[in-house]
Amino acid sequence: MSRTVAIATLGCKTNQFESAAMEERLKEAGFEVIPFEDGAALVIVNTCTVTAATDSQSRNLIRRARRINPVCRVVVTGCYAQVDPEALRRIPGVAVVLGNAEKKDFLRYLETEGSEPLVSVSDIAAEKEAVPLSLTTFAERSRAFLQIQNGCDAYCSYCIIPYARGRSRSVLPDEILTQVRTLADSGYPEVVLTGIHIGGYGTDLSPSTSLLDLVRRIEAETSVPRLRLGSVEPTEIPDQLIEQVAGSSILCPHFHIPLQAGSDEVLRRMNRHYGTRFFRELVERIHGRIPDAAIGLDLITGFPGETEAEFADTLRLIEELPISHLHVFPFSRRPGTPAAGMPDQLPGDLIKARAAQLRELGERKHRRFAGRFVGTVFDLVVEGGRDNGHCRGISRNYLAVRFPGGEDLQGQRVAVKVTGWSGGILSGELA
């Protein structure tokens, strides 16, 4: 078999981390990693199953791989493979279906031959420890992502992820510190802590610890230049964590917080364990302590039974909060979740219209937040890819800035003065 391989990844940063780790292992095993469109002999599809749409995207990627190279072998893994391996096994060209727990040993499955597809998907609920794939480099990336935990215990009524990823399981702190040191020594100017439910980090360990304790150790015991937190649940952002960010030169002032709805009744139906008053006070505390912090929110609109009044409550809350940006997700009926069987499912065109309203509000909020920094000199991490002689960098408070620069700047930290706003992004010049 040719030793060419391509990896296609859908979904969250945890999946992106795991794909990058698989790529590193493949190269060590003598595989040549090539672009998906070049028709590799082996294709790995790392799937997502958050919505029915991502399931469809996964199936389409498998079929496209076979159209590009009709004799390629396709290995499917990830969350869709975990929750519905039979649906994937039936697709022509699929040679192997692996669950999420099997990713750590994926190499031994790759060249398995047989007349029927091999399916190896264990009971993810039985997993008790986080055993992440090791990773020392992120190909073509300026910022490194580091998985600190896996799984989730929340069981929100719309979410399939606890069934696909299992219970919350934390990576041991010493292992995380070793990986942070390795990434810092490799020259990465920023490390992003990721997982499925990082705010619950450490509660499953013995002795138990916390995300705050981990962050304090990383600051004290490594030389990482910048550290950024992934998404953290609102009930898991204590005042001590806010203070840690406020007083740190390493921790980025950027909070990514899932709100999901601005109506107490909708939050109750979602099985979210807080109310809008609690959320408002949290955001106002963060903003009051760190006025320049980016505060980005996740929102789901069109949840079953969402009335015009409840949607208006969400619009009003977002309008009044000092936030920087929104991630808006139209509700998708996901089989296997309680929300899929709830009455009063909303029509798709109404959900689409509400999502458009929220996105427009989010764009106004983002422009208002970004516009405050015109004239400011930012410390940027320059990301990959250039556009007509321009680079793109990310500030500590998660603002993208476009500025003239050469390819040699990728992965570097540079000082850029912000000069204006154009085309939905800040523009600047090297300072």
Protein backbone atom coordinates (compact mmCIF):
# COMPACT_ATOMS: atom_id res chain seq x y z
CA MET A 1 0.00 0.00 0.00
CA SER A 2 1.22 3.51 -0.79
CA ARG A 3 2.30 5.34 2.35
CA THR A 4 0.39 8.53 1.55
CA VAL A 5 -2.27 9.68 4.01
CA ALA A 6 -4.68 12.60 4.30
CA ILE A 7 -6.60 13.67 7.41
CA ALA A 8 -9.95 15.47 7.27
CA THR A 9 -11.18 16.98 10.53
CA LEU A 10 -14.60 18.26 11.54
CA GLY A 11 -15.67 19.91 14.77
CA CYS A 12 -14.07 21.26 17.91
CA LYS A 13 -10.52 22.14 18.91
CA THR A 14 -10.28 18.82 20.76
CA ASN A 15 -10.74 17.06 17.44
CA GLN A 16 -8.21 19.41 15.85
CA PHE A 17 -5.70 18.58 18.58
CA GLU A 18 -6.27 14.85 18.15
CA SER A 19 -5.90 15.08 14.36
CA ALA A 20 -2.63 17.00 14.77
CA ALA A 21 -1.40 14.32 17.17
CA MET A 22 -2.38 11.56 14.73
CA GLU A 23 -0.54 13.40 11.95
CA GLU A 24 2.61 13.50 14.08
CA ARG A 25 2.37 9.76 14.82
CA LEU A 26 1.79 8.98 11.13
CA LYS A 27 4.90 10.87 10.09
CA GLU A 28 6.93 9.03 12.72
CA ALA A 29 5.61 5.75 11.27
CA GLY A 30 6.85 6.66 7.79
CA PHE A 31 3.65 7.98 6.21
CA GLU A 32 3.69 10.97 3.89
CA VAL A 33 0.89 13.36 4.86
CA ILE A 34 -0.57 15.04 1.76
CA PRO A 35 -3.56 17.35 1.10
CA PHE A 36 -6.99 15.73 0.97
CA GLU A 37 -7.52 16.76 -2.66
CA ASP A 38 -4.33 14.99 -3.80
CA GLY A 39 -5.90 11.55 -3.48
CA ALA A 40 -4.04 9.77 -0.69
CA ALA A 41 -4.02 5.98 -0.46
CA LEU A 42 -5.24 6.23 3.12
CA VAL A 43 -7.76 8.82 4.33
CA ILE A 44 -8.64 9.39 7.99
CA VAL A 45 -11.89 11.24 8.65
CA ASN A 46 -12.10 12.58 12.22
CA THR A 47 -15.83 13.21 12.58
CA CYS A 48 -18.11 15.47 14.61
CA THR A 49 -21.69 14.66 15.60
CA VAL A 50 -22.87 17.85 17.31
CA THR A 51 -25.63 18.27 14.71
CA ALA A 52 -27.26 16.24 11.96
CA ALA A 53 -25.51 18.59 9.53
CA THR A 54 -22.05 17.56 10.78
CA ASP A 55 -23.05 13.88 10.40
CA SER A 56 -23.92 14.65 6.77
CA GLN A 57 -20.64 16.50 6.26
CA SER A 58 -18.74 13.46 7.56
CA ARG A 59 -20.51 11.11 5.14
CA ASN A 60 -19.87 13.52 2.27
CA LEU A 61 -16.15 13.65 3.09
CA ILE A 62 -15.94 9.86 2.94
CA ARG A 63 -17.66 9.76 -0.44
CA ARG A 64 -15.51 12.61 -1.77
CA ALA A 65 -12.34 10.81 -0.73
CA ARG A 66 -13.45 7.81 -2.79
CA ARG A 67 -14.31 9.98 -5.78
CA ILE A 68 -10.83 11.52 -5.70
CA ASN A 69 -9.13 8.13 -5.29
CA PRO A 70 -11.54 5.19 -5.87
CA VAL A 71 -9.12 2.67 -4.35
CA CYS A 72 -8.27 4.59 -1.17
CA ARG A 73 -8.92 3.04 2.22
CA VAL A 74 -10.97 5.22 4.56
CA VAL A 75 -10.61 5.12 8.34
CA VAL A 76 -13.38 6.91 10.23
CA THR A 77 -13.08 7.97 13.86
CA GLY A 78 -14.37 10.70 16.16
CA CYS A 79 -17.73 11.40 17.75
CA TYR A 80 -19.99 10.28 14.88
CA ALA A 81 -18.07 7.00 14.73
CA GLN A 82 -18.57 6.63 18.47
CA VAL A 83 -22.36 7.10 18.53
CA ASP A 84 -23.35 5.46 15.21
CA PRO A 85 -20.60 3.19 13.87
CA GLU A 86 -23.05 1.05 11.91
CA ALA A 87 -24.15 3.97 9.72
CA LEU A 88 -20.52 4.60 8.77
CA ARG A 89 -19.60 0.94 8.30
CA ARG A 90 -22.21 0.67 5.53
CA ILE A 91 -20.68 3.44 3.39
CA PRO A 92 -18.69 1.97 0.47
CA GLY A 93 -14.96 2.43 0.90
CA VAL A 94 -14.93 2.54 4.69
CA ALA A 95 -12.31 0.05 5.87
CA VAL A 96 -12.12 0.82 9.59
CA VAL A 97 -14.41 2.55 12.11
CA LEU A 98 -12.75 3.54 15.40
CA GLY A 99 -14.30 5.00 18.54
CA ASN A 100 -12.83 7.91 20.45
CA ALA A 101 -11.05 5.68 22.97
CA GLU A 102 -9.41 3.75 20.11
CA LYS A 103 -7.73 6.88 18.74
CA LYS A 104 -4.80 6.41 21.10
CA ASP A 105 -3.92 3.10 19.38
CA PHE A 106 -5.07 4.03 15.88
CA LEU A 107 -1.82 3.05 14.12
CA ARG A 108 -2.30 -0.65 14.74
CA TYR A 109 -5.64 -0.60 12.89
CA LEU A 110 -4.52 1.18 9.72
CA GLU A 111 -3.36 -1.71 7.58
CA THR A 112 -5.89 -4.27 8.78
CA GLU A 113 -7.19 -6.18 5.77
CA GLY A 114 -10.47 -8.05 5.51
CA SER A 115 -13.51 -8.56 3.33
CA GLU A 116 -15.67 -6.57 5.76
CA PRO A 117 -14.98 -3.22 7.46
CA LEU A 118 -13.40 -3.48 10.90
CA VAL A 119 -15.39 -1.78 13.65
CA SER A 120 -13.68 -1.16 16.99
CA VAL A 121 -15.81 1.08 19.21
CA SER A 122 -15.71 0.48 22.95
CA ASP A 123 -18.09 1.76 25.64
CA ILE A 124 -16.85 5.32 26.13
CA ALA A 125 -18.82 5.60 29.39
CA ALA A 126 -16.49 3.00 30.89
CA GLU A 127 -13.38 5.13 30.30
CA LYS A 128 -12.01 6.40 33.61
CA GLU A 129 -8.78 8.14 32.60
CA ALA A 130 -7.80 10.73 30.03
CA VAL A 131 -5.12 9.26 27.77
CA PRO A 132 -4.48 12.00 25.21
CA LEU A 133 -2.38 11.47 22.12
CA SER A 134 1.03 13.06 22.58
CA LEU A 135 1.89 16.11 20.49
CA THR A 136 5.08 18.14 20.18
CA THR A 137 4.37 20.27 17.09
CA PHE A 138 1.43 21.84 15.29
CA ALA A 139 2.10 21.77 11.55
CA GLU A 140 1.44 25.11 9.86
CA ARG A 141 0.02 26.62 13.06
CA SER A 142 1.30 29.59 14.99
CA ARG A 143 -0.65 28.82 18.16
CA ALA A 144 -0.56 25.38 19.80
CA PHE A 145 -3.64 23.68 21.26
CA LEU A 146 -3.22 21.44 24.28
CA GLN A 147 -5.90 19.00 25.42
CA ILE A 148 -6.17 19.01 29.22
CA GLN A 149 -9.32 16.94 29.64
CA ASN A 150 -11.93 14.95 27.75
CA GLY A 151 -15.60 14.15 28.24
CA CYS A 152 -18.45 15.97 29.96
CA ASP A 153 -20.81 15.32 32.86
CA ALA A 154 -23.29 18.14 32.18
CA TYR A 155 -25.89 16.38 29.98
CA CYS A 156 -27.48 19.50 28.53
CA SER A 157 -30.71 18.45 26.87
CA TYR A 158 -29.58 19.40 23.34
CA CYS A 159 -26.10 17.84 23.46
CA ILE A 160 -24.88 14.41 22.30
CA ILE A 161 -21.28 14.97 23.41
CA PRO A 162 -21.45 13.17 26.82
CA TYR A 163 -22.58 10.06 24.92
CA ALA A 164 -19.77 10.47 22.37
CA ARG A 165 -16.93 11.49 24.70
CA GLY A 166 -17.87 9.87 28.01
CA ARG A 167 -17.48 11.21 31.52
CA SER A 168 -15.15 14.12 32.32
CA ARG A 169 -11.56 12.85 32.58
CA SER A 170 -8.58 15.07 33.33
CA VAL A 171 -4.99 14.76 32.16
CA LEU A 172 -2.54 14.68 35.07
CA PRO A 173 -1.09 18.13 35.83
CA ASP A 174 2.54 17.00 35.51
CA GLU A 175 1.82 15.61 32.02
CA ILE A 176 0.27 18.92 31.00
CA LEU A 177 3.23 20.90 32.31
CA THR A 178 5.63 18.66 30.38
CA GLN A 179 3.70 19.28 27.17
CA VAL A 180 3.52 23.04 27.79
CA ARG A 181 7.31 23.13 28.29
CA THR A 182 7.83 21.14 25.08
CA LEU A 183 5.62 23.49 23.08
CA ALA A 184 7.27 26.57 24.57
CA ASP A 185 10.73 25.14 23.85
CA SER A 186 9.60 24.48 20.25
CA GLY A 187 9.00 28.20 19.84
CA TYR A 188 5.22 28.46 20.04
CA PRO A 189 4.34 31.95 21.29
CA GLU A 190 0.91 30.88 22.55
CA VAL A 191 -0.64 27.73 23.99
CA VAL A 192 -4.43 27.30 24.14
CA LEU A 193 -5.84 24.96 26.80
CA THR A 194 -8.68 22.95 25.29
CA GLY A 195 -11.01 20.12 26.12
CA ILE A 196 -14.70 19.32 26.15
CA HIS A 197 -15.39 20.75 29.62
CA ILE A 198 -12.21 22.41 30.88
CA GLY A 199 -13.92 24.27 33.71
CA GLY A 200 -14.43 20.89 35.38
CA TYR A 201 -10.74 20.09 35.14
CA GLY A 202 -9.25 18.17 38.05
CA THR A 203 -12.37 17.23 40.00
CA ASP A 204 -11.94 13.59 38.96
CA LEU A 205 -8.29 13.39 40.03
CA SER A 206 -6.97 12.24 43.40
CA PRO A 207 -6.11 14.52 45.04
CA SER A 208 -8.56 16.77 43.28
CA THR A 209 -7.41 20.00 41.70
CA SER A 210 -8.90 22.72 39.50
CA LEU A 211 -8.39 24.74 36.34
CA LEU A 212 -7.26 27.67 38.51
CA ASP A 213 -4.61 25.52 40.23
CA LEU A 214 -3.40 24.25 36.86
CA VAL A 215 -3.13 27.75 35.39
CA ARG A 216 -1.16 28.92 38.44
CA ARG A 217 1.29 26.04 38.03
CA ILE A 218 1.75 26.70 34.32
CA GLU A 219 2.51 30.35 35.05
CA ALA A 220 4.95 29.51 37.85
CA GLU A 221 6.70 26.49 36.34
CA THR A 222 6.95 27.08 32.57
CA SER A 223 8.22 29.77 30.21
CA VAL A 224 5.22 29.82 27.88
CA PRO A 225 4.86 33.41 26.55
CA ARG A 226 1.06 33.43 26.26
CA LEU A 227 -1.60 31.12 27.66
CA ARG A 228 -5.22 31.20 26.53
CA LEU A 229 -8.22 29.36 27.97
CA GLY A 230 -10.77 27.61 25.82
CA SER A 231 -14.48 27.63 26.55
CA VAL A 232 -15.37 27.66 30.27
CA GLU A 233 -18.86 27.19 31.67
CA PRO A 234 -20.27 30.26 33.50
CA THR A 235 -20.67 28.35 36.77
CA GLU A 236 -16.97 27.44 36.68
CA ILE A 237 -15.44 30.93 36.52
CA PRO A 238 -14.74 31.84 40.16
CA ASP A 239 -13.64 35.32 41.15
CA GLN A 240 -10.15 33.93 41.83
CA LEU A 241 -9.80 32.95 38.16
CA ILE A 242 -10.88 36.42 37.05
CA GLU A 243 -8.28 37.90 39.41
CA GLN A 244 -5.63 35.52 38.08
CA VAL A 245 -6.27 36.70 34.53
CA ALA A 246 -6.38 40.35 35.62
CA GLY A 247 -2.98 40.18 37.28
CA SER A 248 -1.19 38.04 34.72
CA SER A 249 1.17 39.02 31.90
CA ILE A 250 0.87 35.49 30.45
CA LEU A 251 -2.85 34.65 30.69
CA CYS A 252 -4.79 36.21 27.82
CA PRO A 253 -7.73 38.45 28.83
CA HIS A 254 -10.19 36.41 26.80
CA PHE A 255 -13.24 34.58 28.18
CA HIS A 256 -15.24 32.23 25.96
CA ILE A 257 -18.46 31.49 27.87
CA PRO A 258 -21.45 29.41 26.73
CA LEU A 259 -24.64 31.36 27.53
CA GLN A 260 -26.88 29.41 25.08
CA ALA A 261 -30.06 31.42 25.83
CA GLY A 262 -31.07 34.71 27.40
CA SER A 263 -34.33 33.38 28.84
CA ASP A 264 -34.57 31.60 32.18
CA GLU A 265 -37.29 29.30 30.89
CA VAL A 266 -35.26 28.24 27.86
CA LEU A 267 -32.21 27.69 30.07
CA ARG A 268 -34.31 25.43 32.29
CA ARG A 269 -35.47 23.36 29.29
CA MET A 270 -31.86 23.15 28.14
CA ASN A 271 -30.85 21.75 31.56
CA ARG A 272 -28.44 24.65 32.10
CA HIS A 273 -27.87 25.20 35.81
CA TYR A 274 -27.86 29.01 36.10
CA GLY A 275 -30.14 31.92 35.33
CA THR A 276 -29.78 35.13 33.38
CA ARG A 277 -29.26 37.24 36.52
CA PHE A 278 -26.30 35.09 37.53
CA PHE A 279 -24.87 35.31 34.01
CA ARG A 280 -25.31 39.07 33.78
CA GLU A 281 -23.52 39.59 37.11
CA LEU A 282 -20.64 37.32 36.01
CA VAL A 283 -20.06 39.20 32.75
CA GLU A 284 -20.29 42.56 34.51
CA ARG A 285 -17.73 41.41 37.12
CA ILE A 286 -15.30 40.35 34.40
CA HIS A 287 -15.77 43.58 32.47
CA GLY A 288 -15.49 45.69 35.61
CA ARG A 289 -12.22 44.04 36.63
CA ILE A 290 -10.72 43.70 33.11
CA PRO A 291 -12.35 46.36 30.87
CA ASP A 292 -10.31 45.37 27.78
CA ALA A 293 -11.05 41.64 28.05
CA ALA A 294 -12.72 39.88 25.16
CA ILE A 295 -15.92 38.19 26.33
CA GLY A 296 -17.35 35.90 23.65
CA LEU A 297 -20.61 34.01 24.12
CA ASP A 298 -22.09 30.86 22.58
CA LEU A 299 -25.81 31.02 21.78
CA ILE A 300 -28.32 28.48 20.51
CA THR A 301 -31.42 29.93 18.92
CA GLY A 302 -34.61 28.18 17.90
CA PHE A 303 -34.65 25.76 20.83
CA PRO A 304 -37.93 23.82 21.06
CA GLY A 305 -40.71 26.02 22.40
CA GLU A 306 -38.70 29.26 22.17
CA THR A 307 -41.39 31.95 22.01
CA GLU A 308 -41.12 35.42 20.53
CA ALA A 309 -40.96 36.79 24.07
CA GLU A 310 -38.18 34.41 25.06
CA PHE A 311 -36.18 35.28 21.95
CA ALA A 312 -36.73 38.98 22.70
CA ASP A 313 -35.32 38.35 26.21
CA THR A 314 -32.16 36.94 24.61
CA LEU A 315 -31.79 39.92 22.26
CA ARG A 316 -32.27 42.36 25.12
CA LEU A 317 -29.76 40.62 27.39
CA ILE A 318 -27.09 40.52 24.66
CA GLU A 319 -27.69 44.16 23.78
CA GLU A 320 -27.15 45.17 27.41
CA LEU A 321 -24.07 43.04 28.15
CA PRO A 322 -20.50 44.39 27.61
CA ILE A 323 -19.42 41.55 25.31
CA SER A 324 -17.04 41.42 22.34
CA HIS A 325 -18.50 38.79 20.01
CA LEU A 326 -21.01 35.97 19.57
CA HIS A 327 -20.92 32.41 18.26
CA VAL A 328 -24.47 31.70 17.09
CA PHE A 329 -25.75 28.16 16.48
CA PRO A 330 -29.19 27.44 15.03
CA PHE A 331 -30.81 24.62 17.00
CA SER A 332 -30.40 21.28 15.27
CA ARG A 333 -32.56 18.33 16.25
CA ARG A 334 -29.99 15.72 17.30
CA PRO A 335 -31.34 12.14 17.62
CA GLY A 336 -30.44 10.63 20.97
CA THR A 337 -30.86 13.83 22.97
CA PRO A 338 -33.88 14.83 25.12
CA ALA A 339 -34.37 18.01 23.06
CA ALA A 340 -34.98 15.97 19.89
CA GLY A 341 -38.20 14.63 21.37
CA MET A 342 -39.48 17.86 22.90
CA PRO A 343 -42.77 19.32 21.65
CA ASP A 344 -43.08 22.62 19.79
CA GLN A 345 -40.11 22.14 17.45
CA LEU A 346 -39.65 25.42 15.54
CA PRO A 347 -39.67 25.62 11.72
CA GLY A 348 -36.31 25.94 10.03
CA ASP A 349 -37.01 29.27 8.37
CA LEU A 350 -37.87 30.87 11.73
CA ILE A 351 -34.71 29.47 13.34
CA LYS A 352 -32.65 30.78 10.42
CA ALA A 353 -34.20 34.25 10.72
CA ARG A 354 -33.52 34.42 14.46
CA ALA A 355 -29.93 33.29 13.96
CA ALA A 356 -29.45 36.06 11.40
CA GLN A 357 -30.73 38.65 13.89
CA LEU A 358 -28.33 37.44 16.56
CA ARG A 359 -25.38 37.38 14.17
CA GLU A 360 -26.12 40.94 13.09
CA LEU A 361 -26.21 41.98 16.74
CA GLY A 362 -22.96 40.10 17.35
CA GLU A 363 -21.28 41.90 14.45
CA ARG A 364 -22.33 45.28 15.86
CA LYS A 365 -21.02 44.31 19.29
CA HIS A 366 -17.74 43.14 17.79
CA ARG A 367 -17.22 46.28 15.75
CA ARG A 368 -17.98 48.44 18.79
CA PHE A 369 -15.50 46.50 20.94
CA ALA A 370 -12.77 46.43 18.28
CA GLY A 371 -13.18 50.13 17.47
CA ARG A 372 -12.10 51.06 20.99
CA PHE A 373 -8.56 49.96 20.17
CA VAL A 374 -7.84 52.11 17.12
CA GLY A 375 -4.56 53.86 17.93
CA THR A 376 -3.47 51.09 20.32
CA VAL A 377 -0.24 49.11 19.85
CA PHE A 378 -1.02 45.39 20.11
CA ASP A 379 1.28 42.45 20.82
CA LEU A 380 0.16 40.05 18.06
CA VAL A 381 0.89 36.41 17.30
CA VAL A 382 1.10 36.21 13.50
CA GLU A 383 -0.94 33.36 12.03
CA GLY A 384 -0.28 31.37 8.87
CA GLY A 385 -1.37 32.44 5.39
CA ARG A 386 -0.97 35.79 3.67
CA ASP A 387 -3.39 37.85 1.60
CA ASN A 388 -2.05 40.32 -1.01
CA GLY A 389 1.08 41.05 0.98
CA HIS A 390 -0.74 41.24 4.31
CA CYS A 391 -0.44 39.14 7.46
CA ARG A 392 -3.04 38.46 10.12
CA GLY A 393 -2.29 38.44 13.82
CA ILE A 394 -4.24 37.75 17.02
CA SER A 395 -4.04 40.04 20.04
CA ARG A 396 -4.09 38.91 23.65
CA ASN A 397 -7.76 39.94 23.83
CA TYR A 398 -8.62 37.92 20.74
CA LEU A 399 -8.86 40.65 18.12
CA ALA A 400 -7.65 39.91 14.60
CA VAL A 401 -5.54 42.62 12.94
CA ARG A 402 -4.51 42.69 9.26
CA PHE A 403 -1.24 44.46 8.42
CA PRO A 404 1.46 44.53 5.70
CA GLY A 405 4.19 41.96 6.33
CA GLY A 406 6.26 39.11 4.97
CA GLU A 407 6.04 35.32 5.29
CA ASP A 408 8.95 35.34 7.73
CA LEU A 409 6.65 36.80 10.40
CA GLN A 410 4.45 33.68 10.70
CA GLY A 411 4.56 32.32 14.24
CA GLN A 412 6.30 35.43 15.54
CA ARG A 413 5.16 37.99 18.12
CA VAL A 414 5.14 41.50 16.64
CA ALA A 415 4.06 44.94 17.79
CA VAL A 416 1.39 46.41 15.49
CA LYS A 417 -0.31 49.77 15.78
CA VAL A 418 -4.04 49.59 15.01
CA THR A 419 -4.98 52.23 12.44
CA GLY A 420 -8.60 51.48 11.53
CA TRP A 421 -11.39 49.06 10.72
CA SER A 422 -12.06 47.66 7.23
CA GLY A 423 -13.96 44.67 5.90
CA GLY A 424 -14.90 43.30 9.29
CA ILE A 425 -11.35 43.31 10.68
CA LEU A 426 -8.95 45.76 12.29
CA SER A 427 -6.09 47.04 10.14
CA GLY A 428 -2.68 48.18 11.31
CA GLU A 429 1.00 48.66 10.61
CA LEU A 430 4.17 47.33 12.21
CA ALA A 431 5.16 49.54 15.12
